[in-house]
N, C-alpha and C. Protein backbone atom coordinates (compact mmCIF):
# COMPACT_ATOMS: atom_id res chain seq x y z
N MET A 1 23.64 12.13 -23.38
CA MET A 1 23.42 13.53 -23.05
C MET A 1 24.77 14.23 -23.00
N ASN A 2 24.89 15.40 -23.60
CA ASN A 2 26.18 16.09 -23.58
C ASN A 2 26.33 16.96 -22.34
N THR A 3 27.54 17.48 -22.14
CA THR A 3 27.86 18.25 -20.93
C THR A 3 26.99 19.48 -20.80
N GLN A 4 26.74 20.18 -21.91
CA GLN A 4 25.96 21.40 -21.84
C GLN A 4 24.51 21.11 -21.44
N GLU A 5 23.91 20.05 -21.98
CA GLU A 5 22.54 19.69 -21.59
C GLU A 5 22.48 19.32 -20.13
N THR A 6 23.45 18.54 -19.66
CA THR A 6 23.50 18.15 -18.25
C THR A 6 23.65 19.39 -17.38
N THR A 7 24.53 20.29 -17.77
CA THR A 7 24.74 21.52 -17.00
C THR A 7 23.46 22.34 -16.94
N GLN A 8 22.76 22.48 -18.05
CA GLN A 8 21.52 23.24 -18.06
C GLN A 8 20.48 22.63 -17.13
N GLU A 9 20.35 21.30 -17.14
CA GLU A 9 19.39 20.63 -16.26
C GLU A 9 19.74 20.85 -14.80
N VAL A 10 21.01 20.69 -14.46
CA VAL A 10 21.42 20.86 -13.07
C VAL A 10 21.28 22.32 -12.66
N LEU A 11 21.62 23.24 -13.55
CA LEU A 11 21.46 24.67 -13.24
C LEU A 11 20.01 24.99 -12.91
N ALA A 12 19.10 24.45 -13.66
CA ALA A 12 17.67 24.71 -13.42
C ALA A 12 17.26 24.24 -12.04
N ASN A 13 17.86 23.18 -11.56
CA ASN A 13 17.51 22.63 -10.25
C ASN A 13 18.34 23.20 -9.11
N GLU A 14 19.52 23.70 -9.39
CA GLU A 14 20.45 24.08 -8.33
C GLU A 14 20.50 25.57 -8.02
N LEU A 15 20.08 26.43 -8.92
CA LEU A 15 20.24 27.86 -8.68
C LEU A 15 19.62 28.34 -7.37
N PRO A 16 18.43 27.93 -6.97
CA PRO A 16 17.90 28.42 -5.70
C PRO A 16 18.78 28.07 -4.51
N SER A 17 19.46 26.94 -4.53
CA SER A 17 20.25 26.52 -3.38
C SER A 17 21.55 27.31 -3.23
N VAL A 18 22.02 27.98 -4.27
CA VAL A 18 23.25 28.75 -4.15
C VAL A 18 22.96 30.23 -3.91
N GLY A 19 21.73 30.61 -3.88
CA GLY A 19 21.37 32.02 -3.72
C GLY A 19 21.92 32.66 -2.47
N ALA A 20 21.95 31.93 -1.38
CA ALA A 20 22.44 32.50 -0.12
C ALA A 20 23.93 32.81 -0.19
N ILE A 21 24.67 32.02 -0.94
CA ILE A 21 26.11 32.25 -1.05
C ILE A 21 26.40 33.36 -2.05
N ALA A 22 25.54 33.53 -3.03
CA ALA A 22 25.80 34.47 -4.11
C ALA A 22 25.99 35.91 -3.62
N GLY A 23 25.32 36.30 -2.59
CA GLY A 23 25.44 37.67 -2.09
C GLY A 23 26.59 37.86 -1.13
N SER A 24 27.44 36.87 -0.97
CA SER A 24 28.48 36.93 0.04
C SER A 24 29.79 37.56 -0.43
N GLY A 25 29.86 38.02 -1.67
CA GLY A 25 31.03 38.74 -2.14
C GLY A 25 32.13 37.91 -2.74
N PHE A 26 31.85 36.67 -3.09
CA PHE A 26 32.86 35.85 -3.75
C PHE A 26 33.00 36.32 -5.20
N LYS A 27 34.14 36.88 -5.54
CA LYS A 27 34.35 37.40 -6.89
C LYS A 27 35.26 36.52 -7.74
N LYS A 28 35.99 35.62 -7.09
CA LYS A 28 36.86 34.69 -7.82
C LYS A 28 36.59 33.29 -7.27
N ILE A 29 35.87 32.53 -8.07
CA ILE A 29 35.47 31.18 -7.67
C ILE A 29 36.31 30.17 -8.42
N PHE A 30 36.93 29.28 -7.68
CA PHE A 30 37.84 28.25 -8.20
C PHE A 30 37.15 26.90 -8.03
N VAL A 31 36.81 26.26 -9.12
CA VAL A 31 36.15 24.95 -9.03
C VAL A 31 37.13 23.88 -9.49
N ALA A 32 37.37 22.93 -8.59
CA ALA A 32 38.29 21.82 -8.89
C ALA A 32 37.45 20.62 -9.29
N LEU A 33 37.71 20.12 -10.49
CA LEU A 33 36.92 19.02 -11.02
C LEU A 33 37.80 17.83 -11.34
N ASP A 34 37.22 16.65 -11.16
CA ASP A 34 37.84 15.48 -11.75
C ASP A 34 36.88 15.02 -12.85
N ARG A 35 37.22 13.98 -13.54
CA ARG A 35 36.40 13.61 -14.69
C ARG A 35 35.26 12.67 -14.33
N HIS A 36 35.05 12.42 -13.04
CA HIS A 36 33.98 11.54 -12.59
C HIS A 36 32.91 12.36 -11.89
N ASN A 37 31.70 12.26 -12.33
CA ASN A 37 30.56 12.93 -11.69
C ASN A 37 30.80 14.42 -11.49
N GLN A 38 31.33 15.08 -12.49
CA GLN A 38 31.67 16.50 -12.37
C GLN A 38 30.53 17.44 -12.72
N SER A 39 29.47 16.97 -13.38
CA SER A 39 28.45 17.88 -13.90
C SER A 39 27.72 18.62 -12.79
N LYS A 40 27.41 17.98 -11.69
CA LYS A 40 26.72 18.65 -10.58
C LYS A 40 27.60 19.71 -9.93
N ILE A 41 28.88 19.38 -9.76
CA ILE A 41 29.81 20.32 -9.14
C ILE A 41 30.04 21.52 -10.06
N PHE A 42 30.23 21.25 -11.35
CA PHE A 42 30.42 22.32 -12.32
C PHE A 42 29.18 23.21 -12.38
N ALA A 43 28.01 22.60 -12.41
CA ALA A 43 26.76 23.38 -12.48
C ALA A 43 26.58 24.25 -11.24
N LYS A 44 26.92 23.73 -10.08
CA LYS A 44 26.80 24.52 -8.86
C LYS A 44 27.75 25.71 -8.90
N ALA A 45 28.98 25.47 -9.33
CA ALA A 45 29.96 26.56 -9.43
C ALA A 45 29.53 27.58 -10.46
N LEU A 46 29.03 27.11 -11.60
CA LEU A 46 28.59 27.99 -12.66
C LEU A 46 27.38 28.82 -12.22
N GLY A 47 26.44 28.19 -11.55
CA GLY A 47 25.27 28.92 -11.06
C GLY A 47 25.65 30.00 -10.05
N LEU A 48 26.56 29.65 -9.16
CA LEU A 48 27.03 30.62 -8.17
C LEU A 48 27.78 31.76 -8.83
N ALA A 49 28.64 31.44 -9.79
CA ALA A 49 29.39 32.49 -10.49
C ALA A 49 28.46 33.42 -11.26
N ARG A 50 27.42 32.86 -11.86
CA ARG A 50 26.45 33.70 -12.59
C ARG A 50 25.72 34.64 -11.64
N GLN A 51 25.24 34.11 -10.53
CA GLN A 51 24.48 34.93 -9.59
C GLN A 51 25.35 36.00 -8.93
N ALA A 52 26.59 35.64 -8.61
CA ALA A 52 27.47 36.59 -7.92
C ALA A 52 28.27 37.45 -8.88
N GLU A 53 28.09 37.22 -10.20
CA GLU A 53 28.87 37.91 -11.22
C GLU A 53 30.37 37.79 -10.94
N SER A 54 30.77 36.56 -10.69
CA SER A 54 32.15 36.25 -10.33
C SER A 54 32.93 35.72 -11.52
N ASN A 55 34.24 35.80 -11.41
CA ASN A 55 35.12 35.12 -12.35
C ASN A 55 35.22 33.67 -11.91
N LEU A 56 35.36 32.77 -12.87
CA LEU A 56 35.40 31.36 -12.58
C LEU A 56 36.68 30.75 -13.15
N MET A 57 37.36 29.99 -12.32
CA MET A 57 38.51 29.20 -12.74
C MET A 57 38.11 27.73 -12.67
N ILE A 58 38.17 27.05 -13.80
CA ILE A 58 37.90 25.62 -13.85
C ILE A 58 39.26 24.92 -13.82
N PHE A 59 39.44 24.05 -12.85
CA PHE A 59 40.75 23.47 -12.59
C PHE A 59 40.68 21.96 -12.48
N HIS A 60 41.73 21.31 -12.95
CA HIS A 60 41.85 19.86 -12.81
C HIS A 60 43.25 19.53 -12.32
N GLY A 61 43.33 18.82 -11.20
CA GLY A 61 44.61 18.34 -10.69
C GLY A 61 44.87 16.95 -11.22
N ILE A 62 45.97 16.79 -11.92
CA ILE A 62 46.30 15.51 -12.52
C ILE A 62 47.16 14.72 -11.55
N SER A 63 46.70 13.55 -11.21
CA SER A 63 47.38 12.69 -10.25
C SER A 63 48.80 12.37 -10.69
N GLU A 64 49.66 12.17 -9.71
CA GLU A 64 51.03 11.80 -10.00
C GLU A 64 51.12 10.44 -10.68
N GLN A 65 50.09 9.62 -10.62
CA GLN A 65 50.12 8.32 -11.28
C GLN A 65 50.36 8.46 -12.78
N LEU A 66 49.82 9.53 -13.38
CA LEU A 66 50.03 9.75 -14.81
C LEU A 66 51.49 10.06 -15.10
N LEU A 67 52.19 10.59 -14.09
CA LEU A 67 53.58 10.98 -14.29
C LEU A 67 54.55 9.81 -14.18
N LYS A 68 54.11 8.73 -13.55
CA LYS A 68 55.02 7.62 -13.30
C LYS A 68 55.40 6.91 -14.58
N SER A 69 56.66 6.64 -14.69
CA SER A 69 57.15 5.86 -15.82
C SER A 69 57.60 4.52 -15.29
N PRO A 70 57.79 3.54 -16.14
CA PRO A 70 58.18 2.22 -15.66
C PRO A 70 59.43 2.22 -14.80
N ASP A 71 60.41 3.09 -15.11
CA ASP A 71 61.62 3.07 -14.29
C ASP A 71 61.34 3.54 -12.88
N MET A 72 60.35 4.47 -12.70
CA MET A 72 59.96 4.88 -11.37
C MET A 72 59.24 3.76 -10.65
N VAL A 73 58.40 3.07 -11.38
CA VAL A 73 57.68 1.96 -10.79
C VAL A 73 58.66 0.86 -10.37
N ASN A 74 59.68 0.60 -11.17
CA ASN A 74 60.64 -0.45 -10.88
C ASN A 74 61.41 -0.20 -9.59
N THR A 75 61.67 1.04 -9.23
CA THR A 75 62.42 1.30 -8.01
C THR A 75 61.65 0.84 -6.79
N ALA A 76 60.34 0.78 -6.88
CA ALA A 76 59.52 0.31 -5.77
C ALA A 76 59.35 -1.20 -5.80
N ASN A 77 59.72 -1.85 -6.91
CA ASN A 77 59.53 -3.28 -7.07
C ASN A 77 60.88 -3.95 -7.31
N PRO A 78 61.46 -4.59 -6.30
CA PRO A 78 62.79 -5.17 -6.48
C PRO A 78 62.81 -6.35 -7.45
N TRP A 79 61.64 -6.89 -7.82
CA TRP A 79 61.57 -8.04 -8.72
C TRP A 79 61.48 -7.62 -10.18
N ALA A 80 61.31 -6.36 -10.45
CA ALA A 80 61.20 -5.88 -11.83
C ALA A 80 62.58 -5.47 -12.33
N PHE A 81 62.79 -5.62 -13.62
CA PHE A 81 64.08 -5.26 -14.22
C PHE A 81 63.85 -4.29 -15.35
N ASP A 82 64.71 -3.28 -15.42
CA ASP A 82 64.59 -2.28 -16.48
C ASP A 82 64.69 -2.90 -17.87
N SER A 83 65.35 -4.04 -17.98
CA SER A 83 65.50 -4.65 -19.29
C SER A 83 64.17 -5.12 -19.86
N PHE A 84 63.13 -5.20 -19.03
CA PHE A 84 61.80 -5.60 -19.50
C PHE A 84 61.11 -4.46 -20.23
N TYR A 85 61.69 -3.28 -20.21
CA TYR A 85 61.05 -2.10 -20.80
C TYR A 85 61.91 -1.57 -21.93
N PRO A 86 61.73 -2.08 -23.13
CA PRO A 86 62.51 -1.56 -24.26
C PRO A 86 62.10 -0.12 -24.58
N PRO A 87 62.92 0.60 -25.33
CA PRO A 87 62.64 2.01 -25.65
C PRO A 87 61.26 2.24 -26.27
N GLU A 88 60.75 1.26 -27.03
CA GLU A 88 59.43 1.43 -27.64
C GLU A 88 58.34 1.58 -26.58
N ASN A 89 58.53 0.90 -25.44
CA ASN A 89 57.52 1.02 -24.38
C ASN A 89 57.53 2.42 -23.77
N PHE A 90 58.71 3.00 -23.63
CA PHE A 90 58.80 4.36 -23.10
C PHE A 90 58.16 5.35 -24.07
N GLN A 91 58.39 5.16 -25.36
CA GLN A 91 57.78 6.03 -26.37
C GLN A 91 56.27 5.88 -26.34
N TYR A 92 55.80 4.66 -26.20
CA TYR A 92 54.35 4.42 -26.11
C TYR A 92 53.77 5.11 -24.88
N LEU A 93 54.46 4.98 -23.75
CA LEU A 93 53.99 5.61 -22.52
C LEU A 93 53.91 7.13 -22.68
N GLU A 94 54.91 7.72 -23.32
CA GLU A 94 54.89 9.17 -23.56
C GLU A 94 53.72 9.55 -24.46
N ALA A 95 53.44 8.75 -25.47
CA ALA A 95 52.30 9.02 -26.37
C ALA A 95 50.98 8.93 -25.60
N VAL A 96 50.88 7.96 -24.70
CA VAL A 96 49.66 7.82 -23.89
C VAL A 96 49.49 9.03 -22.98
N ARG A 97 50.58 9.45 -22.36
CA ARG A 97 50.53 10.64 -21.49
C ARG A 97 50.09 11.87 -22.28
N GLU A 98 50.68 12.06 -23.45
CA GLU A 98 50.35 13.22 -24.28
C GLU A 98 48.87 13.19 -24.68
N GLN A 99 48.38 12.02 -25.06
CA GLN A 99 46.97 11.90 -25.43
C GLN A 99 46.08 12.21 -24.23
N ALA A 100 46.44 11.72 -23.05
CA ALA A 100 45.65 11.98 -21.84
C ALA A 100 45.62 13.48 -21.54
N LEU A 101 46.75 14.15 -21.68
CA LEU A 101 46.79 15.60 -21.44
C LEU A 101 45.95 16.35 -22.46
N ASN A 102 46.01 15.93 -23.71
CA ASN A 102 45.19 16.57 -24.74
C ASN A 102 43.70 16.40 -24.45
N GLU A 103 43.31 15.22 -23.96
CA GLU A 103 41.92 15.00 -23.60
C GLU A 103 41.50 15.89 -22.44
N VAL A 104 42.36 16.05 -21.45
CA VAL A 104 42.06 16.92 -20.30
C VAL A 104 41.88 18.36 -20.77
N VAL A 105 42.80 18.84 -21.61
CA VAL A 105 42.70 20.21 -22.11
C VAL A 105 41.43 20.41 -22.93
N GLY A 106 41.09 19.46 -23.77
CA GLY A 106 39.85 19.55 -24.55
C GLY A 106 38.62 19.58 -23.66
N TRP A 107 38.60 18.72 -22.64
CA TRP A 107 37.49 18.69 -21.68
C TRP A 107 37.36 20.01 -20.94
N LEU A 108 38.48 20.53 -20.43
CA LEU A 108 38.46 21.82 -19.71
C LEU A 108 38.04 22.96 -20.64
N ARG A 109 38.54 22.95 -21.86
CA ARG A 109 38.18 23.99 -22.84
C ARG A 109 36.67 23.96 -23.11
N SER A 110 36.10 22.77 -23.23
CA SER A 110 34.66 22.62 -23.46
C SER A 110 33.85 23.21 -22.30
N LEU A 111 34.25 22.91 -21.08
CA LEU A 111 33.56 23.46 -19.91
C LEU A 111 33.69 24.98 -19.86
N CYS A 112 34.87 25.46 -20.20
CA CYS A 112 35.13 26.90 -20.22
C CYS A 112 34.23 27.59 -21.25
N GLU A 113 34.09 27.00 -22.43
CA GLU A 113 33.22 27.57 -23.46
C GLU A 113 31.76 27.57 -23.01
N THR A 114 31.34 26.51 -22.33
CA THR A 114 29.96 26.46 -21.81
C THR A 114 29.72 27.62 -20.86
N ALA A 115 30.64 27.84 -19.93
CA ALA A 115 30.48 28.91 -18.95
C ALA A 115 30.54 30.28 -19.62
N THR A 116 31.45 30.45 -20.54
CA THR A 116 31.58 31.73 -21.25
C THR A 116 30.31 32.03 -22.05
N ASN A 117 29.75 31.02 -22.69
CA ASN A 117 28.51 31.20 -23.44
C ASN A 117 27.34 31.59 -22.55
N LEU A 118 27.43 31.28 -21.27
CA LEU A 118 26.39 31.67 -20.31
C LEU A 118 26.70 33.00 -19.63
N GLY A 119 27.74 33.69 -20.11
CA GLY A 119 28.04 35.03 -19.62
C GLY A 119 28.96 35.09 -18.41
N VAL A 120 29.66 34.01 -18.11
CA VAL A 120 30.57 34.00 -16.96
C VAL A 120 32.00 34.11 -17.47
N ALA A 121 32.73 35.08 -16.93
CA ALA A 121 34.15 35.23 -17.28
C ALA A 121 34.89 34.01 -16.71
N THR A 122 35.41 33.19 -17.61
CA THR A 122 35.95 31.90 -17.20
C THR A 122 37.29 31.63 -17.84
N GLU A 123 38.13 30.96 -17.09
CA GLU A 123 39.39 30.45 -17.60
C GLU A 123 39.59 29.06 -17.02
N PHE A 124 40.57 28.34 -17.55
CA PHE A 124 40.83 27.00 -17.03
C PHE A 124 42.32 26.77 -16.89
N ASP A 125 42.65 25.78 -16.06
CA ASP A 125 44.04 25.43 -15.85
C ASP A 125 44.09 23.99 -15.34
N TYR A 126 45.27 23.41 -15.41
CA TYR A 126 45.52 22.10 -14.83
C TYR A 126 46.95 22.08 -14.35
N LYS A 127 47.20 21.27 -13.37
CA LYS A 127 48.54 21.08 -12.85
C LYS A 127 48.71 19.61 -12.52
N MET A 128 49.95 19.15 -12.60
CA MET A 128 50.27 17.78 -12.23
C MET A 128 50.86 17.76 -10.83
N GLY A 129 50.48 16.74 -10.09
CA GLY A 129 50.99 16.57 -8.74
C GLY A 129 49.90 16.03 -7.84
N ASP A 130 50.12 16.10 -6.58
CA ASP A 130 49.12 15.66 -5.63
C ASP A 130 47.91 16.58 -5.74
N PRO A 131 46.72 16.04 -6.09
CA PRO A 131 45.57 16.92 -6.36
C PRO A 131 45.23 17.90 -5.24
N GLY A 132 45.24 17.47 -4.00
CA GLY A 132 44.91 18.39 -2.90
C GLY A 132 45.87 19.56 -2.83
N GLN A 133 47.14 19.26 -2.94
CA GLN A 133 48.16 20.31 -2.86
C GLN A 133 48.08 21.26 -4.05
N VAL A 134 47.93 20.71 -5.26
CA VAL A 134 47.90 21.60 -6.42
C VAL A 134 46.62 22.44 -6.43
N ILE A 135 45.52 21.92 -5.91
CA ILE A 135 44.29 22.72 -5.81
C ILE A 135 44.53 23.89 -4.88
N CYS A 136 45.03 23.63 -3.68
CA CYS A 136 45.26 24.71 -2.71
C CYS A 136 46.26 25.74 -3.22
N ASN A 137 47.36 25.27 -3.77
CA ASN A 137 48.40 26.20 -4.27
C ASN A 137 47.90 27.02 -5.46
N SER A 138 47.21 26.38 -6.38
CA SER A 138 46.72 27.09 -7.57
C SER A 138 45.63 28.09 -7.21
N ALA A 139 44.73 27.70 -6.31
CA ALA A 139 43.67 28.62 -5.87
C ALA A 139 44.27 29.85 -5.20
N LYS A 140 45.27 29.63 -4.36
CA LYS A 140 45.93 30.74 -3.68
C LYS A 140 46.64 31.65 -4.68
N SER A 141 47.36 31.05 -5.63
CA SER A 141 48.06 31.84 -6.65
C SER A 141 47.10 32.67 -7.49
N TRP A 142 45.94 32.10 -7.79
CA TRP A 142 44.93 32.79 -8.61
C TRP A 142 44.19 33.85 -7.81
N GLY A 143 44.26 33.79 -6.48
CA GLY A 143 43.57 34.76 -5.63
C GLY A 143 42.11 34.42 -5.40
N ALA A 144 41.80 33.13 -5.35
CA ALA A 144 40.40 32.69 -5.19
C ALA A 144 39.83 33.12 -3.85
N ASP A 145 38.55 33.49 -3.88
CA ASP A 145 37.79 33.78 -2.67
C ASP A 145 37.08 32.52 -2.16
N LEU A 146 36.82 31.60 -3.08
CA LEU A 146 36.07 30.39 -2.76
C LEU A 146 36.58 29.25 -3.63
N ILE A 147 36.78 28.09 -3.00
CA ILE A 147 37.11 26.86 -3.73
C ILE A 147 35.89 25.95 -3.63
N ILE A 148 35.49 25.40 -4.75
CA ILE A 148 34.40 24.41 -4.77
C ILE A 148 35.01 23.08 -5.19
N VAL A 149 34.82 22.06 -4.36
CA VAL A 149 35.32 20.72 -4.65
C VAL A 149 34.20 19.72 -4.44
N GLY A 150 34.34 18.58 -5.05
CA GLY A 150 33.40 17.49 -4.85
C GLY A 150 33.91 16.53 -3.80
N ARG A 151 33.00 15.71 -3.33
CA ARG A 151 33.35 14.69 -2.34
C ARG A 151 32.73 13.39 -2.80
N ARG A 152 33.54 12.36 -2.86
CA ARG A 152 33.05 11.06 -3.32
C ARG A 152 32.32 10.28 -2.24
N GLY A 153 32.49 10.64 -0.98
CA GLY A 153 31.77 9.94 0.08
C GLY A 153 32.54 8.81 0.72
N ARG A 154 33.84 8.77 0.52
CA ARG A 154 34.64 7.75 1.22
C ARG A 154 34.62 8.05 2.71
N THR A 155 34.54 7.02 3.48
CA THR A 155 34.58 7.18 4.93
C THR A 155 35.43 6.07 5.52
N GLY A 156 35.75 6.25 6.78
CA GLY A 156 36.44 5.21 7.53
C GLY A 156 37.79 4.85 6.95
N LEU A 157 38.02 3.54 6.88
CA LEU A 157 39.32 3.03 6.47
C LEU A 157 39.68 3.42 5.04
N SER A 158 38.71 3.41 4.12
CA SER A 158 39.03 3.77 2.74
C SER A 158 39.48 5.22 2.64
N GLU A 159 38.92 6.11 3.43
CA GLU A 159 39.37 7.50 3.41
C GLU A 159 40.77 7.63 4.00
N ILE A 160 41.05 6.85 5.05
CA ILE A 160 42.37 6.90 5.67
C ILE A 160 43.42 6.36 4.71
N LEU A 161 43.13 5.23 4.08
CA LEU A 161 44.11 4.60 3.19
C LEU A 161 44.25 5.32 1.87
N LEU A 162 43.14 5.75 1.28
CA LEU A 162 43.17 6.37 -0.04
C LEU A 162 43.31 7.87 0.01
N GLY A 163 43.04 8.47 1.16
CA GLY A 163 43.11 9.92 1.28
C GLY A 163 41.85 10.56 0.75
N SER A 164 41.73 11.82 0.99
CA SER A 164 40.57 12.55 0.52
C SER A 164 41.02 13.93 0.07
N VAL A 165 40.83 14.20 -1.19
CA VAL A 165 41.22 15.50 -1.73
C VAL A 165 40.41 16.60 -1.05
N SER A 166 39.09 16.39 -0.92
CA SER A 166 38.25 17.42 -0.30
C SER A 166 38.66 17.66 1.15
N ASN A 167 39.02 16.61 1.86
CA ASN A 167 39.46 16.77 3.25
C ASN A 167 40.76 17.57 3.31
N TYR A 168 41.68 17.28 2.41
CA TYR A 168 42.93 18.03 2.36
C TYR A 168 42.65 19.51 2.09
N VAL A 169 41.80 19.77 1.10
CA VAL A 169 41.50 21.16 0.73
C VAL A 169 40.84 21.89 1.90
N LEU A 170 39.90 21.22 2.57
CA LEU A 170 39.25 21.85 3.73
C LEU A 170 40.25 22.29 4.79
N HIS A 171 41.28 21.51 4.99
CA HIS A 171 42.23 21.80 6.06
C HIS A 171 43.42 22.65 5.63
N HIS A 172 43.61 22.84 4.34
CA HIS A 172 44.80 23.57 3.89
C HIS A 172 44.51 24.78 3.00
N ALA A 173 43.29 25.01 2.62
CA ALA A 173 42.98 26.13 1.72
C ALA A 173 43.15 27.47 2.44
N SER A 174 43.50 28.47 1.66
CA SER A 174 43.68 29.82 2.21
C SER A 174 42.42 30.68 2.05
N CYS A 175 41.30 30.05 1.63
CA CYS A 175 40.05 30.78 1.46
C CYS A 175 38.88 29.85 1.82
N ALA A 176 37.68 30.34 1.64
CA ALA A 176 36.49 29.53 1.93
C ALA A 176 36.42 28.33 0.99
N VAL A 177 35.82 27.25 1.49
CA VAL A 177 35.69 26.03 0.70
C VAL A 177 34.23 25.55 0.77
N LEU A 178 33.69 25.21 -0.39
CA LEU A 178 32.36 24.61 -0.49
C LEU A 178 32.55 23.20 -1.02
N VAL A 179 32.11 22.20 -0.23
CA VAL A 179 32.22 20.81 -0.65
C VAL A 179 30.85 20.33 -1.10
N VAL A 180 30.79 19.80 -2.32
CA VAL A 180 29.56 19.31 -2.90
C VAL A 180 29.60 17.80 -2.89
N GLN A 181 28.59 17.20 -2.29
CA GLN A 181 28.51 15.73 -2.24
C GLN A 181 28.21 15.19 -3.61
């Protein structure tokens, strides 16, 4: 099933549940997506933007892990030696990073086209860094009235150790936040 079919199915089921929020005056909706289980979150944001006649920003925060190069990794590992990483490995790593960024841009562009085809003024962006921080900073810079984020459902020790992007956004955003399970 492609993204547009999934979005249409979720929209058909989700529109009544966003109706109460639609009349609340949110004119700039910022939806932060990752590439896992994003269709429900995207559909909810799209449905809300359609009902409220809002502008939509589709955003992806790229983890700092993609930015790490072997020399950065080696500084944390005293047993690793830079001599194990010939120049070809660095070139390969750069090619992998570039391909990953191209895939992210293509994915975001596809979602943006889906929303635009449904009559929602939409744009997309991505930033590299800590996802929680880049979501909050980018939403504030864009002037968002509402941030929509997903929640994976981590609790307890795993949330403490791994962190929670949605928890960070809830506590640091400069506007309203809607968390979708």
